[in-house]
Amino acid sequence: MTRTSISAIIGLSVALAACGGRGDDKLGEQAQEAAENKADKMDAMADNMSGTSEDLMQAKADATREAGDAKEEAIDRSDVNTDSLTPAEREKVINGN
């Protein structure tokens, strides 16, 4: 994940925290699971590589997992009222798009 993506995720989480809504752990878990799935794909790609390329891909997968865990925690701490989010907004929170 790029620093810009991580900054956007944090910014969105802070904005959602300002809403003062009810928390929903499910949204954070979905975001973490999306990152985990992406990291699993990176691991599979790394298995088909060798040397430095393999190491770099595995490092990216590890960083993606860590970012997913951080995103889950940020969403959980923000106390998001998921009932007030549209499906498109939920998708943005989960996938960062």
N, C-alpha and C. Protein backbone atom coordinates (compact mmCIF):
# COMPACT_ATOMS: atom_id res chain seq x y z
N MET A 1 0.83 -1.18 0.00
CA MET A 1 0.00 0.00 0.00
C MET A 1 0.87 1.23 0.00
N THR A 2 0.45 2.21 -0.74
CA THR A 2 1.23 3.42 -0.77
C THR A 2 0.90 4.28 0.43
N ARG A 3 1.77 5.21 0.69
CA ARG A 3 1.53 6.13 1.81
C ARG A 3 0.27 6.94 1.57
N THR A 4 0.00 7.26 0.31
CA THR A 4 -1.21 8.02 -0.03
C THR A 4 -2.44 7.22 0.34
N SER A 5 -2.45 5.94 0.02
CA SER A 5 -3.60 5.08 0.35
C SER A 5 -3.80 4.99 1.85
N ILE A 6 -2.72 4.79 2.56
CA ILE A 6 -2.81 4.69 4.02
C ILE A 6 -3.30 6.01 4.60
N SER A 7 -2.81 7.13 4.08
CA SER A 7 -3.27 8.43 4.55
C SER A 7 -4.75 8.63 4.28
N ALA A 8 -5.20 8.18 3.11
CA ALA A 8 -6.61 8.31 2.76
C ALA A 8 -7.47 7.46 3.70
N ILE A 9 -7.00 6.26 4.02
CA ILE A 9 -7.73 5.38 4.92
C ILE A 9 -7.84 6.01 6.30
N ILE A 10 -6.74 6.53 6.78
CA ILE A 10 -6.74 7.16 8.10
C ILE A 10 -7.66 8.39 8.09
N GLY A 11 -7.57 9.18 7.02
CA GLY A 11 -8.42 10.36 6.91
C GLY A 11 -9.89 9.99 6.90
N LEU A 12 -10.25 8.95 6.17
CA LEU A 12 -11.63 8.49 6.12
C LEU A 12 -12.07 7.99 7.48
N SER A 13 -11.19 7.28 8.16
CA SER A 13 -11.51 6.77 9.49
C SER A 13 -11.74 7.92 10.48
N VAL A 14 -10.92 8.94 10.39
CA VAL A 14 -11.08 10.10 11.27
C VAL A 14 -12.40 10.80 10.95
N ALA A 15 -12.70 10.95 9.67
CA ALA A 15 -13.96 11.59 9.28
C ALA A 15 -15.16 10.80 9.79
N LEU A 16 -15.07 9.48 9.70
CA LEU A 16 -16.15 8.65 10.20
C LEU A 16 -16.26 8.72 11.71
N ALA A 17 -15.15 8.88 12.37
CA ALA A 17 -15.17 8.99 13.83
C ALA A 17 -15.91 10.24 14.27
N ALA A 18 -15.84 11.28 13.49
CA ALA A 18 -16.51 12.53 13.83
C ALA A 18 -18.03 12.38 13.79
N CYS A 19 -18.52 11.36 13.11
CA CYS A 19 -19.96 11.13 13.02
C CYS A 19 -20.55 10.72 14.36
N GLY A 20 -19.77 10.12 15.21
CA GLY A 20 -20.25 9.72 16.53
C GLY A 20 -21.29 8.62 16.48
N GLY A 21 -21.23 7.78 15.48
CA GLY A 21 -22.23 6.73 15.33
C GLY A 21 -21.93 5.50 16.17
N ARG A 22 -22.78 4.51 15.98
CA ARG A 22 -22.60 3.24 16.70
C ARG A 22 -21.51 2.44 16.00
N GLY A 23 -20.74 1.73 16.77
CA GLY A 23 -19.66 0.93 16.21
C GLY A 23 -20.17 -0.36 15.57
N ASP A 24 -19.47 -0.84 14.61
CA ASP A 24 -19.81 -2.11 13.98
C ASP A 24 -18.51 -2.81 13.62
N ASP A 25 -18.16 -3.81 14.40
CA ASP A 25 -16.90 -4.53 14.19
C ASP A 25 -16.88 -5.25 12.85
N LYS A 26 -18.05 -5.56 12.31
CA LYS A 26 -18.11 -6.31 11.06
C LYS A 26 -17.44 -5.56 9.92
N LEU A 27 -17.63 -4.25 9.86
CA LEU A 27 -17.02 -3.45 8.79
C LEU A 27 -15.50 -3.52 8.88
N GLY A 28 -14.94 -3.41 10.08
CA GLY A 28 -13.50 -3.52 10.27
C GLY A 28 -12.98 -4.89 9.89
N GLU A 29 -13.74 -5.91 10.25
CA GLU A 29 -13.34 -7.28 9.91
C GLU A 29 -13.35 -7.49 8.39
N GLN A 30 -14.33 -6.90 7.71
CA GLN A 30 -14.39 -7.03 6.25
C GLN A 30 -13.20 -6.34 5.60
N ALA A 31 -12.82 -5.18 6.13
CA ALA A 31 -11.66 -4.47 5.59
C ALA A 31 -10.38 -5.27 5.80
N GLN A 32 -10.24 -5.85 6.98
CA GLN A 32 -9.07 -6.66 7.28
C GLN A 32 -9.04 -7.91 6.39
N GLU A 33 -10.19 -8.51 6.18
CA GLU A 33 -10.27 -9.71 5.34
C GLU A 33 -9.92 -9.39 3.89
N ALA A 34 -10.33 -8.23 3.40
CA ALA A 34 -9.98 -7.83 2.03
C ALA A 34 -8.46 -7.69 1.89
N ALA A 35 -7.82 -7.11 2.89
CA ALA A 35 -6.36 -6.97 2.86
C ALA A 35 -5.69 -8.34 2.95
N GLU A 36 -6.24 -9.21 3.76
CA GLU A 36 -5.69 -10.56 3.90
C GLU A 36 -5.78 -11.32 2.58
N ASN A 37 -6.91 -11.20 1.90
CA ASN A 37 -7.07 -11.87 0.60
C ASN A 37 -6.07 -11.34 -0.42
N LYS A 38 -5.86 -10.04 -0.42
CA LYS A 38 -4.88 -9.44 -1.33
C LYS A 38 -3.47 -9.95 -1.02
N ALA A 39 -3.15 -10.03 0.27
CA ALA A 39 -1.83 -10.51 0.69
C ALA A 39 -1.64 -11.98 0.32
N ASP A 40 -2.71 -12.77 0.43
CA ASP A 40 -2.62 -14.19 0.05
C ASP A 40 -2.28 -14.33 -1.44
N LYS A 41 -2.87 -13.48 -2.25
CA LYS A 41 -2.58 -13.50 -3.69
C LYS A 41 -1.11 -13.13 -3.94
N MET A 42 -0.61 -12.16 -3.17
CA MET A 42 0.79 -11.77 -3.30
C MET A 42 1.71 -12.93 -2.91
N ASP A 43 1.34 -13.65 -1.85
CA ASP A 43 2.13 -14.81 -1.43
C ASP A 43 2.16 -15.87 -2.52
N ALA A 44 1.02 -16.08 -3.16
CA ALA A 44 0.96 -17.06 -4.25
C ALA A 44 1.85 -16.63 -5.41
N MET A 45 1.85 -15.34 -5.71
CA MET A 45 2.73 -14.83 -6.77
C MET A 45 4.19 -15.01 -6.37
N ALA A 46 4.50 -14.77 -5.10
CA ALA A 46 5.88 -14.91 -4.62
C ALA A 46 6.38 -16.34 -4.76
N ASP A 47 5.46 -17.30 -4.61
CA ASP A 47 5.84 -18.71 -4.75
C ASP A 47 6.34 -19.03 -6.15
N ASN A 48 5.94 -18.22 -7.11
CA ASN A 48 6.36 -18.44 -8.50
C ASN A 48 7.58 -17.60 -8.87
N MET A 49 8.16 -16.94 -7.90
CA MET A 49 9.34 -16.09 -8.13
C MET A 49 10.53 -16.70 -7.40
N SER A 50 11.67 -16.07 -7.58
CA SER A 50 12.85 -16.52 -6.85
C SER A 50 13.71 -15.32 -6.48
N GLY A 51 14.56 -15.52 -5.51
CA GLY A 51 15.53 -14.51 -5.12
C GLY A 51 14.91 -13.24 -4.58
N THR A 52 15.46 -12.13 -5.02
CA THR A 52 15.05 -10.81 -4.53
C THR A 52 13.59 -10.52 -4.84
N SER A 53 13.13 -10.92 -6.02
CA SER A 53 11.73 -10.68 -6.40
C SER A 53 10.78 -11.36 -5.43
N GLU A 54 11.11 -12.59 -5.06
CA GLU A 54 10.27 -13.33 -4.12
C GLU A 54 10.26 -12.63 -2.76
N ASP A 55 11.43 -12.21 -2.30
CA ASP A 55 11.53 -11.53 -1.01
C ASP A 55 10.74 -10.22 -1.00
N LEU A 56 10.84 -9.47 -2.09
CA LEU A 56 10.10 -8.20 -2.18
C LEU A 56 8.60 -8.43 -2.17
N MET A 57 8.14 -9.44 -2.90
CA MET A 57 6.70 -9.72 -2.94
C MET A 57 6.21 -10.17 -1.58
N GLN A 58 6.99 -10.98 -0.89
CA GLN A 58 6.60 -11.43 0.45
C GLN A 58 6.57 -10.25 1.43
N ALA A 59 7.50 -9.32 1.28
CA ALA A 59 7.51 -8.13 2.13
C ALA A 59 6.27 -7.27 1.86
N LYS A 60 5.88 -7.17 0.58
CA LYS A 60 4.67 -6.42 0.25
C LYS A 60 3.44 -7.10 0.85
N ALA A 61 3.41 -8.41 0.80
CA ALA A 61 2.28 -9.14 1.38
C ALA A 61 2.21 -8.90 2.89
N ASP A 62 3.35 -8.94 3.56
CA ASP A 62 3.38 -8.68 5.00
C ASP A 62 2.90 -7.26 5.30
N ALA A 63 3.35 -6.29 4.51
CA ALA A 63 2.94 -4.90 4.71
C ALA A 63 1.44 -4.74 4.48
N THR A 64 0.91 -5.45 3.51
CA THR A 64 -0.53 -5.39 3.23
C THR A 64 -1.32 -5.95 4.40
N ARG A 65 -0.85 -7.04 4.97
CA ARG A 65 -1.53 -7.61 6.15
C ARG A 65 -1.50 -6.63 7.33
N GLU A 66 -0.34 -6.03 7.55
CA GLU A 66 -0.21 -5.06 8.66
C GLU A 66 -1.13 -3.86 8.44
N ALA A 67 -1.20 -3.38 7.20
CA ALA A 67 -2.09 -2.26 6.89
C ALA A 67 -3.55 -2.66 7.10
N GLY A 68 -3.90 -3.89 6.76
CA GLY A 68 -5.26 -4.38 6.98
C GLY A 68 -5.61 -4.44 8.46
N ASP A 69 -4.67 -4.90 9.26
CA ASP A 69 -4.88 -4.95 10.71
C ASP A 69 -5.05 -3.54 11.28
N ALA A 70 -4.23 -2.61 10.82
CA ALA A 70 -4.31 -1.22 11.30
C ALA A 70 -5.63 -0.59 10.87
N LYS A 71 -6.06 -0.90 9.67
CA LYS A 71 -7.32 -0.36 9.16
C LYS A 71 -8.49 -0.90 9.99
N GLU A 72 -8.45 -2.19 10.30
CA GLU A 72 -9.51 -2.78 11.13
C GLU A 72 -9.58 -2.09 12.48
N GLU A 73 -8.44 -1.88 13.10
CA GLU A 73 -8.41 -1.21 14.40
C GLU A 73 -8.93 0.21 14.31
N ALA A 74 -8.54 0.93 13.26
CA ALA A 74 -8.99 2.32 13.09
C ALA A 74 -10.50 2.38 12.90
N ILE A 75 -11.04 1.47 12.12
CA ILE A 75 -12.49 1.45 11.91
C ILE A 75 -13.21 1.11 13.20
N ASP A 76 -12.71 0.12 13.93
CA ASP A 76 -13.34 -0.26 15.19
C ASP A 76 -13.31 0.88 16.20
N ARG A 77 -12.19 1.60 16.25
CA ARG A 77 -12.06 2.72 17.19
C ARG A 77 -12.94 3.90 16.79
N SER A 78 -13.25 4.02 15.51
CA SER A 78 -13.99 5.19 15.03
C SER A 78 -15.46 5.16 15.41
N ASP A 79 -15.96 4.03 15.87
CA ASP A 79 -17.35 3.91 16.30
C ASP A 79 -18.30 4.30 15.16
N VAL A 80 -18.11 3.67 14.00
CA VAL A 80 -18.87 3.97 12.80
C VAL A 80 -20.30 3.49 12.92
N ASN A 81 -21.24 4.33 12.52
CA ASN A 81 -22.63 3.92 12.42
C ASN A 81 -22.83 3.41 11.00
N THR A 82 -22.68 2.12 10.82
CA THR A 82 -22.74 1.55 9.47
C THR A 82 -24.13 1.65 8.87
N ASP A 83 -25.15 1.82 9.68
CA ASP A 83 -26.50 1.97 9.14
C ASP A 83 -26.64 3.25 8.33
N SER A 84 -25.80 4.23 8.62
CA SER A 84 -25.90 5.50 7.89
C SER A 84 -25.04 5.53 6.63
N LEU A 85 -24.24 4.49 6.40
CA LEU A 85 -23.38 4.44 5.22
C LEU A 85 -24.11 3.80 4.05
N THR A 86 -23.90 4.35 2.87
CA THR A 86 -24.44 3.74 1.67
C THR A 86 -23.56 2.54 1.31
N PRO A 87 -24.07 1.63 0.48
CA PRO A 87 -23.22 0.51 0.05
C PRO A 87 -21.91 0.98 -0.60
N ALA A 88 -21.95 2.06 -1.36
CA ALA A 88 -20.74 2.58 -1.99
C ALA A 88 -19.75 3.08 -0.94
N GLU A 89 -20.26 3.72 0.10
CA GLU A 89 -19.38 4.20 1.17
C GLU A 89 -18.76 3.03 1.94
N ARG A 90 -19.55 2.00 2.18
CA ARG A 90 -19.01 0.80 2.84
C ARG A 90 -17.90 0.18 2.00
N GLU A 91 -18.12 0.11 0.69
CA GLU A 91 -17.13 -0.46 -0.22
C GLU A 91 -15.84 0.35 -0.19
N LYS A 92 -15.97 1.67 -0.13
CA LYS A 92 -14.77 2.53 -0.05
C LYS A 92 -13.99 2.27 1.24
N VAL A 93 -14.72 2.11 2.34
CA VAL A 93 -14.06 1.87 3.62
C VAL A 93 -13.34 0.51 3.57
N ILE A 94 -13.99 -0.48 3.02
CA ILE A 94 -13.43 -1.83 3.00
C ILE A 94 -12.23 -1.92 2.05
N ASN A 95 -12.40 -1.42 0.83
CA ASN A 95 -11.38 -1.59 -0.20
C ASN A 95 -10.51 -0.38 -0.44
N GLY A 96 -10.86 0.75 0.12
CA GLY A 96 -10.06 1.96 -0.05
C GLY A 96 -10.12 2.54 -1.44
N ASN A 97 -11.14 2.23 -2.22
CA ASN A 97 -11.27 2.77 -3.58
C ASN A 97 -12.20 3.94 -3.60
